[in-house]
C-alpha cells in the first residue's frame, strides 16, 4: 500500500495560521552625506491582531532603531 500522507503534510498542518505579510519601508537621513536612505521590514499580521495598531507600533520602533543607528 502507498502512503497518502507525507511528513511534510504533517508539518504544514500545524502551521496553518492565517497571517498576512505586510512590507514596511522606513526612510531616514544618512548622517555621513545627508542623503535619504531606505530600510524595509516584512511584518506578519495574524487574524486576531489589530493591523493598524501593529503597523504604527512597528513604524515607531523601526524609526527609533534607525535614529539610534544613524
PDB file of N, CA and C in Angstrom:
ATOM      1  N   UNK A   1       0.844  -1.185   0.000  1.00  0.00           N
ATOM      2  CA  UNK A   1       0.000   0.000   0.000  1.00  0.00           C
ATOM      3  C   UNK A   1       0.888   1.246   0.000  1.00  0.00           C
ATOM      4  N   UNK A   2       0.402   2.271  -0.633  1.00  0.00           N
ATOM      5  CA  UNK A   2       1.170   3.514  -0.679  1.00  0.00           C
ATOM      6  C   UNK A   2       0.727   4.453   0.428  1.00  0.00           C
ATOM      7  N   UNK A   3       1.658   5.308   0.801  1.00  0.00           N
ATOM      8  CA  UNK A   3       1.354   6.305   1.829  1.00  0.00           C
ATOM      9  C   UNK A   3       0.598   7.464   1.206  1.00  0.00           C
ATOM     10  N   UNK A   4      -0.476   7.890   1.824  1.00  0.00           N
ATOM     11  CA  UNK A   4      -1.249   9.023   1.319  1.00  0.00           C
ATOM     12  C   UNK A   4      -0.796  10.335   1.946  1.00  0.00           C
ATOM     13  N   UNK A   5      -0.151  10.262   3.099  1.00  0.00           N
ATOM     14  CA  UNK A   5       0.262  11.468   3.798  1.00  0.00           C
ATOM     15  C   UNK A   5       1.776  11.435   3.997  1.00  0.00           C
ATOM     16  N   UNK A   6       2.429  12.531   3.633  1.00  0.00           N
ATOM     17  CA  UNK A   6       3.874  12.608   3.800  1.00  0.00           C
ATOM     18  C   UNK A   6       4.204  13.351   5.090  1.00  0.00           C
ATOM     19  N   UNK A   7       5.472  13.313   5.462  1.00  0.00           N
ATOM     20  CA  UNK A   7       5.905  14.032   6.655  1.00  0.00           C
ATOM     21  C   UNK A   7       5.706  15.534   6.482  1.00  0.00           C
ATOM     22  N   UNK A   8       5.951  16.051   5.282  1.00  0.00           N
ATOM     23  CA  UNK A   8       5.753  17.480   5.011  1.00  0.00           C
ATOM     24  C   UNK A   8       4.312  17.907   5.207  1.00  0.00           C
ATOM     25  N   UNK A   9       3.366  17.056   4.852  1.00  0.00           N
ATOM     26  CA  UNK A   9       1.955  17.376   5.073  1.00  0.00           C
ATOM     27  C   UNK A   9       1.636  17.475   6.559  1.00  0.00           C
ATOM     28  N   UNK A  10       2.237  16.615   7.359  1.00  0.00           N
ATOM     29  CA  UNK A  10       2.007  16.651   8.800  1.00  0.00           C
ATOM     30  C   UNK A  10       2.546  17.944   9.413  1.00  0.00           C
ATOM     31  N   UNK A  11       3.721  18.359   8.951  1.00  0.00           N
ATOM     32  CA  UNK A  11       4.338  19.573   9.493  1.00  0.00           C
ATOM     33  C   UNK A  11       3.528  20.807   9.095  1.00  0.00           C
ATOM     34  N   UNK A  12       3.113  20.873   7.832  1.00  0.00           N
ATOM     35  CA  UNK A  12       2.357  22.036   7.360  1.00  0.00           C
ATOM     36  C   UNK A  12       0.993  22.157   8.025  1.00  0.00           C
ATOM     37  N   UNK A  13       0.410  21.046   8.431  1.00  0.00           N
ATOM     38  CA  UNK A  13      -0.926  21.077   9.017  1.00  0.00           C
ATOM     39  C   UNK A  13      -0.951  21.899  10.310  1.00  0.00           C
ATOM     40  N   UNK A  14       0.095  21.827  11.120  1.00  0.00           N
ATOM     41  CA  UNK A  14       0.147  22.562  12.374  1.00  0.00           C
ATOM     42  C   UNK A  14       0.476  24.032  12.200  1.00  0.00           C
ATOM     43  N   UNK A  15       0.964  24.417  11.038  1.00  0.00           N
ATOM     44  CA  UNK A  15       1.393  25.798  10.816  1.00  0.00           C
ATOM     45  C   UNK A  15       0.392  26.593   9.992  1.00  0.00           C
ATOM     46  N   UNK A  16      -0.837  26.203   9.942  1.00  0.00           N
ATOM     47  CA  UNK A  16      -1.822  26.866   9.096  1.00  0.00           C
ATOM     48  C   UNK A  16      -2.453  28.073   9.778  1.00  0.00           C
ATOM     49  N   UNK A  17      -1.664  28.915  10.358  1.00  0.00           N
ATOM     50  CA  UNK A  17      -2.153  30.154  10.937  1.00  0.00           C
ATOM     51  C   UNK A  17      -2.419  31.131   9.801  1.00  0.00           C
ATOM     52  N   UNK A  18      -3.537  31.807   9.874  1.00  0.00           N
ATOM     53  CA  UNK A  18      -3.864  32.767   8.828  1.00  0.00           C
ATOM     54  C   UNK A  18      -3.155  34.075   9.140  1.00  0.00           C
ATOM     55  N   UNK A  19      -2.151  34.372   8.376  1.00  0.00           N
ATOM     56  CA  UNK A  19      -1.366  35.575   8.578  1.00  0.00           C
ATOM     57  C   UNK A  19      -1.227  36.310   7.253  1.00  0.00           C
ATOM     58  N   UNK A  20      -1.156  37.624   7.355  1.00  0.00           N
ATOM     59  CA  UNK A  20      -0.951  38.458   6.185  1.00  0.00           C
ATOM     60  C   UNK A  20       0.409  39.118   6.331  1.00  0.00           C
ATOM     61  N   UNK A  21       1.202  39.105   5.275  1.00  0.00           N
ATOM     62  CA  UNK A  21       2.523  39.726   5.306  1.00  0.00           C
ATOM     63  C   UNK A  21       2.421  41.157   4.803  1.00  0.00           C
ATOM     64  N   UNK A  22       3.011  42.077   5.561  1.00  0.00           N
ATOM     65  CA  UNK A  22       2.997  43.494   5.217  1.00  0.00           C
ATOM     66  C   UNK A  22       4.438  43.967   5.152  1.00  0.00           C
ATOM     67  N   UNK A  23       4.774  44.678   4.091  1.00  0.00           N
ATOM     68  CA  UNK A  23       6.123  45.224   3.953  1.00  0.00           C
ATOM     69  C   UNK A  23       6.091  46.680   4.411  1.00  0.00           C
ATOM     70  N   UNK A  24       6.945  47.011   5.375  1.00  0.00           N
ATOM     71  CA  UNK A  24       7.042  48.372   5.904  1.00  0.00           C
ATOM     72  C   UNK A  24       8.371  48.947   5.439  1.00  0.00           C
ATOM     73  N   UNK A  25       8.321  50.129   4.840  1.00  0.00           N
ATOM     74  CA  UNK A  25       9.524  50.792   4.334  1.00  0.00           C
ATOM     75  C   UNK A  25       9.755  52.047   5.168  1.00  0.00           C
ATOM     76  N   UNK A  26      10.949  52.152   5.737  1.00  0.00           N
ATOM     77  CA  UNK A  26      11.324  53.306   6.543  1.00  0.00           C
ATOM     78  C   UNK A  26      12.255  54.199   5.732  1.00  0.00           C
ATOM     79  N   UNK A  27      12.140  55.500   5.921  1.00  0.00           N
ATOM     80  CA  UNK A  27      13.103  56.425   5.328  1.00  0.00           C
ATOM     81  C   UNK A  27      13.860  57.106   6.458  1.00  0.00           C
ATOM     82  N   UNK A  28      15.141  57.338   6.226  1.00  0.00           N
ATOM     83  CA  UNK A  28      15.951  58.072   7.196  1.00  0.00           C
ATOM     84  C   UNK A  28      17.057  58.800   6.459  1.00  0.00           C
ATOM     85  N   UNK A  29      17.612  59.803   7.095  1.00  0.00           N
ATOM     86  CA  UNK A  29      18.676  60.604   6.501  1.00  0.00           C
ATOM     87  C   UNK A  29      20.024  60.082   6.980  1.00  0.00           C
ATOM     88  N   UNK A  30      20.921  59.855   6.043  1.00  0.00           N
ATOM     89  CA  UNK A  30      22.250  59.364   6.377  1.00  0.00           C
ATOM     90  C   UNK A  30      23.046  60.469   7.064  1.00  0.00           C
ATOM     91  N   UNK A  31      23.688  60.164   8.197  1.00  0.00           N
ATOM     92  CA  UNK A  31      24.474  61.194   8.883  1.00  0.00           C
ATOM     93  C   UNK A  31      25.776  61.528   8.155  1.00  0.00           C
ATOM     94  N   UNK A  32      26.260  60.609   7.307  1.00  0.00           N
ATOM     95  CA  UNK A  32      27.524  60.836   6.614  1.00  0.00           C
ATOM     96  C   UNK A  32      27.409  61.859   5.502  1.00  0.00           C
ATOM     97  N   UNK A  33      26.366  61.703   4.648  1.00  0.00           N
ATOM     98  CA  UNK A  33      26.270  62.589   3.500  1.00  0.00           C
ATOM     99  C   UNK A  33      24.912  63.278   3.362  1.00  0.00           C
ATOM    100  N   UNK A  34      23.988  63.048   4.265  1.00  0.00           N
ATOM    101  CA  UNK A  34      22.708  63.750   4.249  1.00  0.00           C
ATOM    102  C   UNK A  34      21.709  63.238   3.224  1.00  0.00           C
ATOM    103  N   UNK A  35      22.002  62.128   2.579  1.00  0.00           N
ATOM    104  CA  UNK A  35      21.074  61.582   1.600  1.00  0.00           C
ATOM    105  C   UNK A  35      19.990  60.763   2.286  1.00  0.00           C
ATOM    106  N   UNK A  36      18.850  60.661   1.608  1.00  0.00           N
ATOM    107  CA  UNK A  36      17.753  59.863   2.143  1.00  0.00           C
ATOM    108  C   UNK A  36      18.008  58.403   1.802  1.00  0.00           C
ATOM    109  N   UNK A  37      17.883  57.549   2.815  1.00  0.00           N
ATOM    110  CA  UNK A  37      18.083  56.117   2.638  1.00  0.00           C
ATOM    111  C   UNK A  37      16.802  55.392   3.025  1.00  0.00           C
ATOM    112  N   UNK A  38      16.688  54.152   2.540  1.00  0.00           N
ATOM    113  CA  UNK A  38      15.501  53.349   2.788  1.00  0.00           C
ATOM    114  C   UNK A  38      15.890  52.061   3.493  1.00  0.00           C
ATOM    115  N   UNK A  39      15.023  51.614   4.373  1.00  0.00           N
ATOM    116  CA  UNK A  39      15.169  50.332   5.034  1.00  0.00           C
ATOM    117  C   UNK A  39      13.800  49.674   5.038  1.00  0.00           C
ATOM    118  N   UNK A  40      13.756  48.369   4.872  1.00  0.00           N
ATOM    119  CA  UNK A  40      12.463  47.696   4.805  1.00  0.00           C
ATOM    120  C   UNK A  40      12.415  46.519   5.756  1.00  0.00           C
ATOM    121  N   UNK A  41      11.173  46.156   6.140  1.00  0.00           N
ATOM    122  CA  UNK A  41      10.954  45.058   7.064  1.00  0.00           C
ATOM    123  C   UNK A  41       9.651  44.369   6.692  1.00  0.00           C
ATOM    124  N   UNK A  42       9.638  43.053   6.748  1.00  0.00           N
ATOM    125  CA  UNK A  42       8.429  42.272   6.500  1.00  0.00           C
ATOM    126  C   UNK A  42       7.806  41.953   7.858  1.00  0.00           C
ATOM    127  N   UNK A  43       6.520  42.262   7.994  1.00  0.00           N
ATOM    128  CA  UNK A  43       5.799  42.068   9.240  1.00  0.00           C
ATOM    129  C   UNK A  43       4.643  41.117   8.988  1.00  0.00           C
ATOM    130  N   UNK A  44       4.485  40.106   9.830  1.00  0.00           N
ATOM    131  CA  UNK A  44       3.347  39.191   9.725  1.00  0.00           C
ATOM    132  C   UNK A  44       2.264  39.658  10.684  1.00  0.00           C
ATOM    133  N   UNK A  45       1.062  39.866  10.149  1.00  0.00           N
ATOM    134  CA  UNK A  45      -0.076  40.280  10.951  1.00  0.00           C
ATOM    135  C   UNK A  45      -1.052  39.109  10.972  1.00  0.00           C
ATOM    136  N   UNK A  46      -1.314  38.587  12.157  1.00  0.00           N
ATOM    137  CA  UNK A  46      -2.217  37.449  12.292  1.00  0.00           C
ATOM    138  C   UNK A  46      -3.657  37.929  12.366  1.00  0.00           C
ATOM    139  N   UNK A  47      -4.598  37.033  12.179  1.00  0.00           N
ATOM    140  CA  UNK A  47      -6.010  37.389  12.052  1.00  0.00           C
ATOM    141  C   UNK A  47      -6.566  38.043  13.321  1.00  0.00           C
ATOM    142  N   UNK A  48      -6.047  37.738  14.486  1.00  0.00           N
ATOM    143  CA  UNK A  48      -6.558  38.315  15.730  1.00  0.00           C
ATOM    144  C   UNK A  48      -5.961  39.668  16.086  1.00  0.00           C
ATOM    145  N   UNK A  49      -4.919  40.089  15.380  1.00  0.00           N
ATOM    146  CA  UNK A  49      -4.241  41.352  15.695  1.00  0.00           C
ATOM    147  C   UNK A  49      -4.953  42.532  15.055  1.00  0.00           C
ATOM    148  N   UNK A  50      -4.789  43.707  15.671  1.00  0.00           N
ATOM    149  CA  UNK A  50      -5.266  44.952  15.081  1.00  0.00           C
ATOM    150  C   UNK A  50      -4.184  45.433  14.119  1.00  0.00           C
ATOM    151  N   UNK A  51      -4.486  45.404  12.819  1.00  0.00           N
ATOM    152  CA  UNK A  51      -3.462  45.665  11.800  1.00  0.00           C
ATOM    153  C   UNK A  51      -2.923  47.091  11.868  1.00  0.00           C
ATOM    154  N   UNK A  52      -3.785  48.074  11.999  1.00  0.00           N
ATOM    155  CA  UNK A  52      -3.336  49.468  12.027  1.00  0.00           C
ATOM    156  C   UNK A  52      -2.461  49.746  13.242  1.00  0.00           C
ATOM    157  N   UNK A  53      -2.855  49.235  14.391  1.00  0.00           N
ATOM    158  CA  UNK A  53      -2.080  49.445  15.611  1.00  0.00           C
ATOM    159  C   UNK A  53      -0.726  48.758  15.512  1.00  0.00           C
ATOM    160  N   UNK A  54      -0.696  47.557  14.971  1.00  0.00           N
ATOM    161  CA  UNK A  54       0.564  46.810  14.820  1.00  0.00           C
ATOM    162  C   UNK A  54       1.512  47.514  13.853  1.00  0.00           C
ATOM    163  N   UNK A  55       0.970  48.034  12.740  1.00  0.00           N
ATOM    164  CA  UNK A  55       1.802  48.759  11.776  1.00  0.00           C
ATOM    165  C   UNK A  55       2.399  50.009  12.397  1.00  0.00           C
ATOM    166  N   UNK A  56       1.588  50.789  13.105  1.00  0.00           N
ATOM    167  CA  UNK A  56       2.080  52.015  13.735  1.00  0.00           C
ATOM    168  C   UNK A  56       3.152  51.713  14.780  1.00  0.00           C
ATOM    169  N   UNK A  57       2.967  50.627  15.533  1.00  0.00           N
ATOM    170  CA  UNK A  57       3.954  50.241  16.531  1.00  0.00           C
ATOM    171  C   UNK A  57       5.286  49.871  15.877  1.00  0.00           C
ATOM    172  N   UNK A  58       5.239  49.130  14.782  1.00  0.00           N
ATOM    173  CA  UNK A  58       6.469  48.734  14.093  1.00  0.00           C
ATOM    174  C   UNK A  58       7.159  49.930  13.442  1.00  0.00           C
ATOM    175  N   UNK A  59       6.380  50.872  12.921  1.00  0.00           N
ATOM    176  CA  UNK A  59       6.966  52.081  12.333  1.00  0.00           C
ATOM    177  C   UNK A  59       7.686  52.887  13.405  1.00  0.00           C
ATOM    178  N   UNK A  60       7.064  53.044  14.559  1.00  0.00           N
ATOM    179  CA  UNK A  60       7.682  53.785  15.661  1.00  0.00           C
ATOM    180  C   UNK A  60       8.959  53.095  16.127  1.00  0.00           C
ATOM    181  N   UNK A  61       8.904  51.773  16.296  1.00  0.00           N
ATOM    182  CA  UNK A  61      10.096  51.030  16.732  1.00  0.00           C
ATOM    183  C   UNK A  61      11.197  51.077  15.678  1.00  0.00           C
ATOM    184  N   UNK A  62      10.844  50.966  14.420  1.00  0.00           N
ATOM    185  CA  UNK A  62      11.834  50.988  13.343  1.00  0.00           C
ATOM    186  C   UNK A  62      12.536  52.323  13.232  1.00  0.00           C
ATOM    187  N   UNK A  63      11.781  53.400  13.353  1.00  0.00           N
ATOM    188  CA  UNK A  63      12.403  54.726  13.297  1.00  0.00           C
ATOM    189  C   UNK A  63      13.332  54.951  14.472  1.00  0.00           C
ATOM    190  N   UNK A  64      12.936  54.486  15.654  1.00  0.00           N
ATOM    191  CA  UNK A  64      13.798  54.634  16.832  1.00  0.00           C
ATOM    192  C   UNK A  64      15.102  53.876  16.646  1.00  0.00           C
ATOM    193  N   UNK A  65      15.028  52.688  16.067  1.00  0.00           N
ATOM    194  CA  UNK A  65      16.241  51.894  15.821  1.00  0.00           C
ATOM    195  C   UNK A  65      17.131  52.579  14.807  1.00  0.00           C
ATOM    196  N   UNK A  66      16.527  53.079  13.715  1.00  0.00           N
ATOM    197  CA  UNK A  66      17.313  53.724  12.664  1.00  0.00           C
ATOM    198  C   UNK A  66      17.946  55.026  13.148  1.00  0.00           C
ATOM    199  N   UNK A  67      17.241  55.789  13.986  1.00  0.00           N
ATOM    200  CA  UNK A  67      17.819  57.032  14.515  1.00  0.00           C
ATOM    201  C   UNK A  67      18.965  56.705  15.472  1.00  0.00           C
ATOM    202  N   UNK A  68      18.866  55.600  16.194  1.00  0.00           N
ATOM    203  CA  UNK A  68      19.941  55.189  17.078  1.00  0.00           C
ATOM    204  C   UNK A  68      21.151  54.691  16.313  1.00  0.00           C
ATOM    205  N   UNK A  69      20.881  54.038  15.185  1.00  0.00           N
ATOM    206  CA  UNK A  69      21.962  53.521  14.337  1.00  0.00           C
ATOM    207  C   UNK A  69      22.632  54.639  13.558  1.00  0.00           C
ATOM    208  N   UNK A  70      21.851  55.639  13.160  1.00  0.00           N
ATOM    209  CA  UNK A  70      22.377  56.719  12.321  1.00  0.00           C
ATOM    210  C   UNK A  70      23.331  57.607  13.061  1.00  0.00           C
TER     211      UNK A  70
END
